Amino acid sequence: MQPYNQIDVDAPFTLAFQAVGLKWAKYIVAIGALKGMTTVLLANLLGQARYFTHIGRTHMAPPFLAAVNEKTGTPVNATIVMTILNSIVGFFTSLDVLANLLSLATLFIFSPVSLALLVRRYYAGGGTTDSDRNKLIGFLVLIIGSSITTTVYWAVGNNGWIGFAVTVPIWFFATLGLQVVVKEARKPKLWGVPLMPWIPSTSIAINVFIMSSIDSASYIRFGIWTLLLLVYYVFIALHASYDAALVHQQLPSQIHHLESRLYLFSFNVIQWSTEYCHSNE
């Protein structure tokens, strides 16, 4: 409908219909886009509220976020707080900044998830030999290193295909070596990711490669937020969650002690009542 160099990034479909004379269609597209964005925003808010409900139960976030309304059975406090915070951030922040920061955070999270999947499938404490463990570490280093090197070469280099002819085969043979040489430590009971280790390894390479397309300012913002959250986790959340777990662990013994004291008190009351009745006969 339009050449790619004339597309308006803010409203591509709406203005594309307008450019070809279908002005009535642009309103339908705009309403559909508004409905879709509203649905996505509401779904994200509901999901975030439930995440923070579970985080609040561990005391890594303020515990009042874990409160669930008795009538509706929903985390009202967390929903209200997350809605207000998201509204403030969305109101005062540019859409481009939010989009790049969210994309960077998502890609960064997906990469460790894929790495953790490889570690979980090929390593088990007490079941994996030292030789297989060392091979696993070596192959993972090659996979991650070749993915990063390929990305950096593509981002800053203009020397043709020579660099890719080195880094891509390293990634390929590292993944193949992990599949052939290292024995799987865990077998999925019901369902597991197929084509191991190719899918997680490919996920790492693709995520790292896409991250190179994000601007440097987003990396600075992401680094600042990550540092702040790490400081909060180390100095506040970690200790709060440990204290909460300790209290939860000690709670059964405290309940048992309280039950014993109540039983002893009840027994003394009954014995005293019996003796009192006998003395009055």
C-alpha atoms as a PDB file:
ATOM      1  CA  MET A   1       0.000   0.000   0.000  1.00  0.00           C
ATOM      2  CA  GLN A   2       2.932   2.327   0.662  1.00  0.00           C
ATOM      3  CA  PRO A   3       6.708   2.271   0.034  1.00  0.00           C
ATOM      4  CA  TYR A   4       8.568   1.338   3.191  1.00  0.00           C
ATOM      5  CA  ASN A   5      10.324   4.725   3.317  1.00  0.00           C
ATOM      6  CA  GLN A   6       6.954   6.522   3.518  1.00  0.00           C
ATOM      7  CA  ILE A   7       5.456   4.471   6.356  1.00  0.00           C
ATOM      8  CA  ASP A   8       4.553   6.436   9.477  1.00  0.00           C
ATOM      9  CA  VAL A   9       5.896   4.457  12.433  1.00  0.00           C
ATOM     10  CA  ASP A  10       3.367   6.018  14.824  1.00  0.00           C
ATOM     11  CA  ALA A  11       0.287   4.822  12.909  1.00  0.00           C
ATOM     12  CA  PRO A  12       1.398   2.756   9.902  1.00  0.00           C
ATOM     13  CA  PHE A  13      -1.848   0.995   8.989  1.00  0.00           C
ATOM     14  CA  THR A  14      -4.158   3.933   9.654  1.00  0.00           C
ATOM     15  CA  LEU A  15      -2.215   6.376   7.519  1.00  0.00           C
ATOM     16  CA  ALA A  16      -1.581   3.739   4.858  1.00  0.00           C
ATOM     17  CA  PHE A  17      -5.333   3.344   4.309  1.00  0.00           C
ATOM     18  CA  GLN A  18      -5.678   7.113   4.249  1.00  0.00           C
ATOM     19  CA  ALA A  19      -2.923   7.428   1.641  1.00  0.00           C
ATOM     20  CA  VAL A  20      -4.768   5.163  -0.814  1.00  0.00           C
ATOM     21  CA  GLY A  21      -8.059   6.975  -0.351  1.00  0.00           C
ATOM     22  CA  LEU A  22      -9.773   4.607   2.088  1.00  0.00           C
ATOM     23  CA  LYS A  23     -10.394   7.169   4.789  1.00  0.00           C
ATOM     24  CA  TRP A  24     -13.336   5.231   6.226  1.00  0.00           C
ATOM     25  CA  ALA A  25     -11.095   2.187   6.786  1.00  0.00           C
ATOM     26  CA  LYS A  26      -8.579   4.109   8.867  1.00  0.00           C
ATOM     27  CA  TYR A  27     -11.180   4.610  11.609  1.00  0.00           C
ATOM     28  CA  ILE A  28     -11.907   0.887  11.775  1.00  0.00           C
ATOM     29  CA  VAL A  29      -8.190   0.122  11.989  1.00  0.00           C
ATOM     30  CA  ALA A  30      -7.688   2.802  14.648  1.00  0.00           C
ATOM     31  CA  ILE A  31     -10.538   1.417  16.788  1.00  0.00           C
ATOM     32  CA  GLY A  32      -9.151  -2.117  16.444  1.00  0.00           C
ATOM     33  CA  ALA A  33      -5.651  -0.948  17.366  1.00  0.00           C
ATOM     34  CA  LEU A  34      -6.980   0.936  20.398  1.00  0.00           C
ATOM     35  CA  LYS A  35      -8.963  -2.119  21.498  1.00  0.00           C
ATOM     36  CA  GLY A  36      -5.935  -4.371  21.048  1.00  0.00           C
ATOM     37  CA  MET A  37      -3.593  -2.089  22.980  1.00  0.00           C
ATOM     38  CA  THR A  38      -6.118  -1.730  25.806  1.00  0.00           C
ATOM     39  CA  THR A  39      -6.493  -5.501  26.050  1.00  0.00           C
ATOM     40  CA  VAL A  40      -2.727  -6.025  26.139  1.00  0.00           C
ATOM     41  CA  LEU A  41      -2.262  -3.344  28.793  1.00  0.00           C
ATOM     42  CA  LEU A  42      -4.971  -4.828  31.019  1.00  0.00           C
ATOM     43  CA  ALA A  43      -3.550  -8.336  30.616  1.00  0.00           C
ATOM     44  CA  ASN A  44      -0.060  -7.087  31.536  1.00  0.00           C
ATOM     45  CA  LEU A  45      -1.369  -5.238  34.577  1.00  0.00           C
ATOM     46  CA  LEU A  46      -3.250  -8.305  35.816  1.00  0.00           C
ATOM     47  CA  GLY A  47      -0.180 -10.478  35.258  1.00  0.00           C
ATOM     48  CA  GLN A  48       2.153  -8.054  37.028  1.00  0.00           C
ATOM     49  CA  ALA A  49      -0.221  -7.826  39.980  1.00  0.00           C
ATOM     50  CA  ARG A  50      -0.154 -11.589  40.421  1.00  0.00           C
ATOM     51  CA  TYR A  51       3.629 -11.717  40.099  1.00  0.00           C
ATOM     52  CA  PHE A  52       3.996  -9.152  42.850  1.00  0.00           C
ATOM     53  CA  THR A  53       1.437 -10.991  44.959  1.00  0.00           C
ATOM     54  CA  HIS A  54       3.737 -14.016  45.062  1.00  0.00           C
ATOM     55  CA  ILE A  55       6.801 -11.806  45.532  1.00  0.00           C
ATOM     56  CA  GLY A  56       5.054 -10.085  48.430  1.00  0.00           C
ATOM     57  CA  ARG A  57       4.399 -13.450  50.082  1.00  0.00           C
ATOM     58  CA  THR A  58       8.155 -14.011  50.251  1.00  0.00           C
ATOM     59  CA  HIS A  59       8.577 -10.463  51.691  1.00  0.00           C
ATOM     60  CA  MET A  60      10.911  -9.546  48.820  1.00  0.00           C
ATOM     61  CA  ALA A  61       8.319  -6.853  48.106  1.00  0.00           C
ATOM     62  CA  PRO A  62       6.169  -5.116  50.734  1.00  0.00           C
ATOM     63  CA  PRO A  63       3.899  -7.792  52.277  1.00  0.00           C
ATOM     64  CA  PHE A  64       0.725  -5.720  51.833  1.00  0.00           C
ATOM     65  CA  LEU A  65       0.969  -6.507  48.105  1.00  0.00           C
ATOM     66  CA  ALA A  66       0.214 -10.139  48.936  1.00  0.00           C
ATOM     67  CA  ALA A  67      -3.211  -9.311  50.383  1.00  0.00           C
ATOM     68  CA  VAL A  68      -6.089 -10.981  48.539  1.00  0.00           C
ATOM     69  CA  ASN A  69      -9.600  -9.567  48.717  1.00  0.00           C
ATOM     70  CA  GLU A  70     -11.964 -11.956  50.510  1.00  0.00           C
ATOM     71  CA  LYS A  71     -14.978 -11.193  48.294  1.00  0.00           C
ATOM     72  CA  THR A  72     -13.368 -11.111  44.841  1.00  0.00           C
ATOM     73  CA  GLY A  73     -10.428 -13.430  45.519  1.00  0.00           C
ATOM     74  CA  THR A  74      -8.114 -11.075  43.608  1.00  0.00           C
ATOM     75  CA  PRO A  75      -4.947  -9.183  44.670  1.00  0.00           C
ATOM     76  CA  VAL A  76      -6.538  -5.751  44.858  1.00  0.00           C
ATOM     77  CA  ASN A  77      -3.602  -3.985  46.529  1.00  0.00           C
ATOM     78  CA  ALA A  78      -1.070  -5.222  43.998  1.00  0.00           C
ATOM     79  CA  THR A  79      -3.388  -4.402  41.091  1.00  0.00           C
ATOM     80  CA  ILE A  80      -3.913  -0.809  42.281  1.00  0.00           C
ATOM     81  CA  VAL A  81      -0.220  -0.218  42.987  1.00  0.00           C
ATOM     82  CA  MET A  82       0.961  -1.669  39.665  1.00  0.00           C
ATOM     83  CA  THR A  83      -1.684   0.294  37.731  1.00  0.00           C
ATOM     84  CA  ILE A  84      -0.605   3.573  39.341  1.00  0.00           C
ATOM     85  CA  LEU A  85       3.109   2.905  38.816  1.00  0.00           C
ATOM     86  CA  ASN A  86       2.650   1.851  35.185  1.00  0.00           C
ATOM     87  CA  SER A  87       0.479   4.898  34.515  1.00  0.00           C
ATOM     88  CA  ILE A  88       3.098   7.253  35.953  1.00  0.00           C
ATOM     89  CA  VAL A  89       5.923   5.666  33.952  1.00  0.00           C
ATOM     90  CA  GLY A  90       3.853   5.629  30.759  1.00  0.00           C
ATOM     91  CA  PHE A  91       2.758   9.248  31.181  1.00  0.00           C
ATOM     92  CA  PHE A  92       6.235  10.704  31.692  1.00  0.00           C
ATOM     93  CA  THR A  93       8.270   8.417  29.396  1.00  0.00           C
ATOM     94  CA  SER A  94       8.567   8.359  25.627  1.00  0.00           C
ATOM     95  CA  LEU A  95       7.157   5.313  23.846  1.00  0.00           C
ATOM     96  CA  ASP A  96      10.447   4.703  22.018  1.00  0.00           C
ATOM     97  CA  VAL A  97      12.354   4.641  25.292  1.00  0.00           C
ATOM     98  CA  LEU A  98       9.901   2.221  26.878  1.00  0.00           C
ATOM     99  CA  ALA A  99       9.819  -0.039  23.805  1.00  0.00           C
ATOM    100  CA  ASN A 100      13.617  -0.307  23.602  1.00  0.00           C
ATOM    101  CA  LEU A 101      14.015  -0.806  27.337  1.00  0.00           C
ATOM    102  CA  LEU A 102      11.310  -3.479  27.437  1.00  0.00           C
ATOM    103  CA  SER A 103      12.795  -5.260  24.412  1.00  0.00           C
ATOM    104  CA  LEU A 104      16.270  -5.240  25.952  1.00  0.00           C
ATOM    105  CA  ALA A 105      15.009  -6.535  29.293  1.00  0.00           C
ATOM    106  CA  THR A 106      12.977  -9.295  27.621  1.00  0.00           C
ATOM    107  CA  LEU A 107      15.855 -10.462  25.438  1.00  0.00           C
ATOM    108  CA  PHE A 108      18.263 -10.324  28.370  1.00  0.00           C
ATOM    109  CA  ILE A 109      15.941 -12.464  30.505  1.00  0.00           C
ATOM    110  CA  PHE A 110      15.268 -15.020  27.768  1.00  0.00           C
ATOM    111  CA  SER A 111      18.987 -15.672  27.296  1.00  0.00           C
ATOM    112  CA  PRO A 112      19.652 -16.838  30.905  1.00  0.00           C
ATOM    113  CA  VAL A 113      16.435 -18.869  30.758  1.00  0.00           C
ATOM    114  CA  SER A 114      17.764 -20.776  27.746  1.00  0.00           C
ATOM    115  CA  LEU A 115      21.120 -21.168  29.478  1.00  0.00           C
ATOM    116  CA  ALA A 116      19.417 -22.459  32.632  1.00  0.00           C
ATOM    117  CA  LEU A 117      17.509 -24.987  30.541  1.00  0.00           C
ATOM    118  CA  LEU A 118      20.767 -26.385  29.193  1.00  0.00           C
ATOM    119  CA  VAL A 119      22.295 -26.538  32.667  1.00  0.00           C
ATOM    120  CA  ARG A 120      19.229 -28.250  34.128  1.00  0.00           C
ATOM    121  CA  ARG A 121      19.070 -30.858  31.370  1.00  0.00           C
ATOM    122  CA  TYR A 122      22.787 -31.689  31.345  1.00  0.00           C
ATOM    123  CA  TYR A 123      23.782 -31.228  34.991  1.00  0.00           C
ATOM    124  CA  ALA A 124      22.518 -32.778  38.211  1.00  0.00           C
ATOM    125  CA  GLY A 125      24.254 -32.346  41.531  1.00  0.00           C
ATOM    126  CA  GLY A 126      25.700 -35.659  42.652  1.00  0.00           C
ATOM    127  CA  GLY A 127      24.747 -37.370  39.389  1.00  0.00           C
ATOM    128  CA  THR A 128      27.004 -35.665  36.856  1.00  0.00           C
ATOM    129  CA  THR A 129      30.645 -36.646  36.723  1.00  0.00           C
ATOM    130  CA  ASP A 130      33.396 -34.050  36.968  1.00  0.00           C
ATOM    131  CA  SER A 131      34.375 -34.790  33.384  1.00  0.00           C
ATOM    132  CA  ASP A 132      30.873 -34.137  32.023  1.00  0.00           C
ATOM    133  CA  ARG A 133      30.578 -31.029  34.169  1.00  0.00           C
ATOM    134  CA  ASN A 134      33.807 -29.589  32.782  1.00  0.00           C
ATOM    135  CA  LYS A 135      32.757 -30.431  29.222  1.00  0.00           C
ATOM    136  CA  LEU A 136      29.405 -28.762  29.815  1.00  0.00           C
ATOM    137  CA  ILE A 137      31.082 -25.588  31.088  1.00  0.00           C
ATOM    138  CA  GLY A 138      33.433 -25.533  28.121  1.00  0.00           C
ATOM    139  CA  PHE A 139      30.685 -25.960  25.535  1.00  0.00           C
ATOM    140  CA  LEU A 140      28.514 -23.312  27.210  1.00  0.00           C
ATOM    141  CA  VAL A 141      31.412 -20.851  27.195  1.00  0.00           C
ATOM    142  CA  LEU A 142      31.935 -21.512  23.477  1.00  0.00           C
ATOM    143  CA  ILE A 143      28.213 -21.096  22.705  1.00  0.00           C
ATOM    144  CA  ILE A 144      27.914 -17.823  24.615  1.00  0.00           C
ATOM    145  CA  GLY A 145      31.268 -16.502  23.450  1.00  0.00           C
ATOM    146  CA  SER A 146      30.634 -17.253  19.776  1.00  0.00           C
ATOM    147  CA  SER A 147      27.160 -15.693  19.980  1.00  0.00           C
ATOM    148  CA  ILE A 148      28.537 -12.492  21.496  1.00  0.00           C
ATOM    149  CA  THR A 149      31.459 -12.377  19.061  1.00  0.00           C
ATOM    150  CA  THR A 150      29.157 -12.851  16.070  1.00  0.00           C
ATOM    151  CA  THR A 151      26.932 -10.032  17.299  1.00  0.00           C
ATOM    152  CA  VAL A 152      29.820  -7.642  17.942  1.00  0.00           C
ATOM    153  CA  TYR A 153      31.379  -8.425  14.549  1.00  0.00           C
ATOM    154  CA  TRP A 154      28.083  -7.723  12.791  1.00  0.00           C
ATOM    155  CA  ALA A 155      27.533  -4.489  14.728  1.00  0.00           C
ATOM    156  CA  VAL A 156      30.949  -2.870  14.328  1.00  0.00           C
ATOM    157  CA  GLY A 157      32.696  -4.729  11.509  1.00  0.00           C
ATOM    158  CA  ASN A 158      32.621  -4.102   7.769  1.00  0.00           C
ATOM    159  CA  ASN A 159      35.011  -6.857   6.744  1.00  0.00           C
ATOM    160  CA  GLY A 160      32.566  -9.164   4.984  1.00  0.00           C
ATOM    161  CA  TRP A 161      31.905 -12.785   5.822  1.00  0.00           C
ATOM    162  CA  ILE A 162      35.337 -13.781   7.157  1.00  0.00           C
ATOM    163  CA  GLY A 163      34.442 -13.244  10.811  1.00  0.00           C
ATOM    164  CA  PHE A 164      31.166 -15.121  10.454  1.00  0.00           C
ATOM    165  CA  ALA A 165      33.015 -18.027   8.856  1.00  0.00           C
ATOM    166  CA  VAL A 166      34.862 -18.394  12.160  1.00  0.00           C
ATOM    167  CA  THR A 167      32.281 -17.612  14.833  1.00  0.00           C
ATOM    168  CA  VAL A 168      29.256 -19.417  13.356  1.00  0.00           C
ATOM    169  CA  PRO A 169      31.053 -22.792  12.990  1.00  0.00           C
ATOM    170  CA  ILE A 170      32.325 -22.457  16.575  1.00  0.00           C
ATOM    171  CA  TRP A 171      28.734 -22.047  17.761  1.00  0.00           C
ATOM    172  CA  PHE A 172      27.557 -24.945  15.597  1.00  0.00           C
ATOM    173  CA  PHE A 173      30.235 -27.431  16.665  1.00  0.00           C
ATOM    174  CA  ALA A 174      29.943 -26.366  20.335  1.00  0.00           C
ATOM    175  CA  THR A 175      26.220 -27.149  20.233  1.00  0.00           C
ATOM    176  CA  LEU A 176      26.859 -30.399  18.376  1.00  0.00           C
ATOM    177  CA  GLY A 177      29.550 -31.356  20.872  1.00  0.00           C
ATOM    178  CA  LEU A 178      27.191 -30.698  23.763  1.00  0.00           C
ATOM    179  CA  GLN A 179      24.636 -33.024  22.186  1.00  0.00           C
ATOM    180  CA  VAL A 180      27.082 -35.817  21.328  1.00  0.00           C
ATOM    181  CA  VAL A 181      29.690 -35.715  24.095  1.00  0.00           C
ATOM    182  CA  VAL A 182      27.781 -34.727  27.246  1.00  0.00           C
ATOM    183  CA  LYS A 183      25.187 -37.154  28.587  1.00  0.00           C
ATOM    184  CA  GLU A 184      21.832 -35.732  29.641  1.00  0.00           C
ATOM    185  CA  ALA A 185      21.507 -35.758  33.430  1.00  0.00           C
ATOM    186  CA  ARG A 186      17.719 -35.418  33.506  1.00  0.00           C
ATOM    187  CA  LYS A 187      15.015 -36.850  31.301  1.00  0.00           C
ATOM    188  CA  PRO A 188      11.645 -35.048  31.243  1.00  0.00           C
ATOM    189  CA  LYS A 189       8.874 -37.125  32.822  1.00  0.00           C
ATOM    190  CA  LEU A 190       5.928 -35.779  30.840  1.00  0.00           C
ATOM    191  CA  TRP A 191       7.143 -33.236  28.306  1.00  0.00           C
ATOM    192  CA  GLY A 192      10.437 -31.548  27.641  1.00  0.00           C
ATOM    193  CA  VAL A 193      11.858 -29.086  25.145  1.00  0.00           C
ATOM    194  CA  PRO A 194      12.552 -31.021  21.930  1.00  0.00           C
ATOM    195  CA  LEU A 195      15.715 -30.894  19.822  1.00  0.00           C
ATOM    196  CA  MET A 196      17.991 -30.407  22.797  1.00  0.00           C
ATOM    197  CA  PRO A 197      20.385 -28.599  22.891  1.00  0.00           C
ATOM    198  CA  TRP A 198      19.697 -26.885  19.560  1.00  0.00           C
ATOM    199  CA  ILE A 199      16.623 -24.858  20.513  1.00  0.00           C
ATOM    200  CA  PRO A 200      18.107 -23.290  23.699  1.00  0.00           C
ATOM    201  CA  SER A 201      21.454 -22.701  21.975  1.00  0.00           C
ATOM    202  CA  THR A 202      19.737 -21.052  19.008  1.00  0.00           C
ATOM    203  CA  SER A 203      17.653 -18.980  21.399  1.00  0.00           C
ATOM    204  CA  ILE A 204      20.808 -17.666  23.082  1.00  0.00           C
ATOM    205  CA  ALA A 205      22.390 -16.770  19.733  1.00  0.00           C
ATOM    206  CA  ILE A 206      19.268 -15.043  18.383  1.00  0.00           C
ATOM    207  CA  ASN A 207      18.554 -13.110  21.592  1.00  0.00           C
ATOM    208  CA  VAL A 208      22.115 -11.835  21.802  1.00  0.00           C
ATOM    209  CA  PHE A 209      22.089 -10.941  18.088  1.00  0.00           C
ATOM    210  CA  ILE A 210      18.841  -8.957  18.343  1.00  0.00           C
ATOM    211  CA  MET A 211      20.148  -7.107  21.396  1.00  0.00           C
ATOM    212  CA  SER A 212      22.778  -5.500  19.164  1.00  0.00           C
ATOM    213  CA  SER A 213      20.063  -3.555  17.326  1.00  0.00           C
ATOM    214  CA  ILE A 214      19.077  -1.628  20.468  1.00  0.00           C
ATOM    215  CA  ASP A 215      20.602   1.806  21.044  1.00  0.00           C
ATOM    216  CA  SER A 216      23.310   2.448  23.629  1.00  0.00           C
ATOM    217  CA  ALA A 217      21.111   4.773  25.727  1.00  0.00           C
ATOM    218  CA  SER A 218      18.789   1.843  26.466  1.00  0.00           C
ATOM    219  CA  TYR A 219      21.752  -0.172  27.751  1.00  0.00           C
ATOM    220  CA  ILE A 220      22.646   2.663  30.110  1.00  0.00           C
ATOM    221  CA  ARG A 221      19.091   2.859  31.425  1.00  0.00           C
ATOM    222  CA  PHE A 222      18.921  -0.907  31.736  1.00  0.00           C
ATOM    223  CA  GLY A 223      22.233  -0.966  33.613  1.00  0.00           C
ATOM    224  CA  ILE A 224      21.086   1.718  36.060  1.00  0.00           C
ATOM    225  CA  TRP A 225      17.786  -0.048  36.806  1.00  0.00           C
ATOM    226  CA  THR A 226      19.542  -3.408  37.150  1.00  0.00           C
ATOM    227  CA  LEU A 227      22.061  -1.925  39.582  1.00  0.00           C
ATOM    228  CA  LEU A 228      19.300  -0.340  41.685  1.00  0.00           C
ATOM    229  CA  LEU A 229      17.349  -3.602  41.820  1.00  0.00           C
ATOM    230  CA  LEU A 230      20.479  -5.555  42.765  1.00  0.00           C
ATOM    231  CA  VAL A 231      21.179  -3.131  45.613  1.00  0.00           C
ATOM    232  CA  TYR A 232      17.577  -3.477  46.800  1.00  0.00           C
ATOM    233  CA  TYR A 233      17.759  -7.263  46.556  1.00  0.00           C
ATOM    234  CA  VAL A 234      21.082  -7.623  48.397  1.00  0.00           C
ATOM    235  CA  PHE A 235      20.426  -5.160  51.213  1.00  0.00           C
ATOM    236  CA  ILE A 236      16.651  -5.440  51.712  1.00  0.00           C
ATOM    237  CA  ALA A 237      14.801  -8.175  49.834  1.00  0.00           C
ATOM    238  CA  LEU A 238      17.248 -10.993  50.535  1.00  0.00           C
ATOM    239  CA  HIS A 239      17.197 -10.437  54.296  1.00  0.00           C
ATOM    240  CA  ALA A 240      13.432  -9.941  54.379  1.00  0.00           C
ATOM    241  CA  SER A 241      12.786 -13.169  52.474  1.00  0.00           C
ATOM    242  CA  TYR A 242      15.222 -15.059  54.716  1.00  0.00           C
ATOM    243  CA  ASP A 243      13.504 -13.784  57.855  1.00  0.00           C
ATOM    244  CA  ALA A 244      10.094 -14.683  56.423  1.00  0.00           C
ATOM    245  CA  ALA A 245      11.267 -18.200  55.545  1.00  0.00           C
ATOM    246  CA  LEU A 246      12.764 -18.621  59.027  1.00  0.00           C
ATOM    247  CA  VAL A 247       9.507 -17.576  60.669  1.00  0.00           C
ATOM    248  CA  HIS A 248       7.554 -19.925  58.409  1.00  0.00           C
ATOM    249  CA  GLN A 249       9.936 -22.749  59.303  1.00  0.00           C
ATOM    250  CA  GLN A 250       9.623 -22.128  63.031  1.00  0.00           C
ATOM    251  CA  LEU A 251       5.848 -21.702  62.924  1.00  0.00           C
ATOM    252  CA  PRO A 252       4.936 -25.436  63.134  1.00  0.00           C
ATOM    253  CA  SER A 253       7.062 -25.951  66.247  1.00  0.00           C
ATOM    254  CA  GLN A 254       5.550 -22.838  67.836  1.00  0.00           C
ATOM    255  CA  ILE A 255       2.056 -24.087  67.060  1.00  0.00           C
ATOM    256  CA  HIS A 256       2.914 -27.482  68.533  1.00  0.00           C
ATOM    257  CA  HIS A 257       4.281 -25.803  71.662  1.00  0.00           C
ATOM    258  CA  LEU A 258       1.134 -23.694  71.962  1.00  0.00           C
ATOM    259  CA  GLU A 259      -1.080 -26.754  71.518  1.00  0.00           C
ATOM    260  CA  SER A 260       0.868 -28.563  74.251  1.00  0.00           C
ATOM    261  CA  ARG A 261       0.426 -25.657  76.652  1.00  0.00           C
ATOM    262  CA  LEU A 262      -3.305 -25.479  75.875  1.00  0.00           C
ATOM    263  CA  TYR A 263      -3.639 -29.231  76.415  1.00  0.00           C
ATOM    264  CA  LEU A 264      -1.813 -28.982  79.759  1.00  0.00           C
ATOM    265  CA  PHE A 265      -3.965 -26.030  80.789  1.00  0.00           C
ATOM    266  CA  SER A 266      -7.162 -27.881  79.851  1.00  0.00           C
ATOM    267  CA  PHE A 267      -6.006 -30.972  81.743  1.00  0.00           C
ATOM    268  CA  ASN A 268      -5.281 -28.883  84.869  1.00  0.00           C
ATOM    269  CA  VAL A 269      -8.676 -27.193  84.646  1.00  0.00           C
ATOM    270  CA  ILE A 270     -10.455 -30.542  84.361  1.00  0.00           C
ATOM    271  CA  GLN A 271      -8.433 -31.996  87.240  1.00  0.00           C
ATOM    272  CA  TRP A 272      -9.112 -28.946  89.393  1.00  0.00           C
ATOM    273  CA  SER A 273     -12.850 -29.113  88.601  1.00  0.00           C
ATOM    274  CA  THR A 274     -12.962 -32.815  89.470  1.00  0.00           C
ATOM    275  CA  GLU A 275     -11.193 -32.271  92.784  1.00  0.00           C
ATOM    276  CA  TYR A 276     -13.488 -29.344  93.579  1.00  0.00           C
ATOM    277  CA  CYS A 277     -16.584 -31.455  92.928  1.00  0.00           C
ATOM    278  CA  HIS A 278     -15.282 -34.280  95.116  1.00  0.00           C
ATOM    279  CA  SER A 279     -14.505 -31.893  97.959  1.00  0.00           C
ATOM    280  CA  ASN A 280     -18.080 -30.552  97.913  1.00  0.00           C
ATOM    281  CA  GLU A 281     -19.766 -33.962  97.982  1.00  0.00           C
END
